[in-house]
């Protein structure tokens, strides 16, 4: 025996209301499945908001040069 696709937990819908609910859920599921899944575009480090946060200072040789380089 398979489990039902939908289950009514409150109320007493008639067959027309159940048919409408099933049509809406099936349409939403097919629309969601049709959306292509793409990886989000990678932004450059210029657009990265974390770059606005100051990194800790590390004293040493060449530290002044490294302070302006991207992470």
Protein backbone atom coordinates (compact mmCIF):
# COMPACT_ATOMS: atom_id res chain seq x y z
CA UNK A 1 0.00 0.00 0.00
CA UNK A 2 1.36 3.42 -0.92
CA UNK A 3 0.96 6.57 1.10
CA UNK A 4 -1.39 9.26 -0.26
CA UNK A 5 0.09 12.26 -2.03
CA UNK A 6 -2.05 14.70 -0.03
CA UNK A 7 -3.66 14.35 3.35
CA UNK A 8 -6.44 16.57 4.77
CA UNK A 9 -5.79 17.23 8.43
CA UNK A 10 -8.64 19.61 9.15
CA UNK A 11 -12.06 20.17 7.62
CA UNK A 12 -14.21 18.09 5.32
CA UNK A 13 -13.55 19.04 1.67
CA UNK A 14 -15.73 17.69 -1.11
CA UNK A 15 -14.38 16.09 -4.28
CA UNK A 16 -14.29 19.40 -6.19
CA UNK A 17 -12.18 21.10 -3.52
CA UNK A 18 -9.81 18.14 -3.42
CA UNK A 19 -9.55 18.19 -7.22
CA UNK A 20 -8.74 21.93 -7.16
CA UNK A 21 -6.13 21.42 -4.46
CA UNK A 22 -4.54 18.54 -6.35
CA UNK A 23 -4.41 20.61 -9.57
CA UNK A 24 -2.75 23.55 -7.80
CA UNK A 25 -0.16 21.37 -6.06
CA UNK A 26 0.60 19.46 -9.28
CA UNK A 27 0.98 22.71 -11.25
CA UNK A 28 3.27 24.20 -8.63
CA UNK A 29 5.40 21.04 -8.53
CA UNK A 30 5.75 20.90 -12.30
CA UNK A 31 6.65 24.60 -12.46
CA UNK A 32 9.27 24.18 -9.72
CA UNK A 33 10.78 21.17 -11.49
CA UNK A 34 10.99 23.10 -14.78
CA UNK A 35 13.14 25.88 -13.29
CA UNK A 36 16.77 25.34 -14.32
CA UNK A 37 19.14 25.11 -11.38
CA UNK A 38 22.21 27.24 -11.93
CA UNK A 39 25.05 28.04 -9.61
CA UNK A 40 24.97 31.65 -8.46
CA UNK A 41 27.30 33.92 -10.36
CA UNK A 42 30.54 34.45 -8.52
CA UNK A 43 31.22 38.07 -7.77
CA UNK A 44 34.61 39.63 -7.90
CA UNK A 45 36.36 40.52 -4.68
CA UNK A 46 35.53 44.15 -5.42
CA UNK A 47 31.84 43.37 -4.87
CA UNK A 48 32.40 41.20 -1.82
CA UNK A 49 30.94 42.91 1.24
CA UNK A 50 33.29 41.09 3.57
CA UNK A 51 36.11 43.11 2.06
CA UNK A 52 34.67 46.20 3.80
CA UNK A 53 35.53 44.67 7.17
CA UNK A 54 39.07 45.46 8.24
CA UNK A 55 41.31 42.46 8.64
CA UNK A 56 43.59 42.12 11.66
CA UNK A 57 46.95 43.82 11.35
CA UNK A 58 50.02 41.60 11.22
CA UNK A 59 53.28 43.48 11.64
CA UNK A 60 56.27 42.28 9.73
CA UNK A 61 58.26 42.60 6.56
CA UNK A 62 56.01 43.41 3.58
CA UNK A 63 52.92 43.83 5.78
CA UNK A 64 52.10 47.20 4.30
CA UNK A 65 52.02 45.64 0.81
CA UNK A 66 49.93 42.65 1.91
CA UNK A 67 47.37 44.92 3.57
CA UNK A 68 46.08 46.09 0.16
CA UNK A 69 45.97 42.67 -1.50
CA UNK A 70 42.73 40.68 -1.75
CA UNK A 71 42.25 37.76 0.58
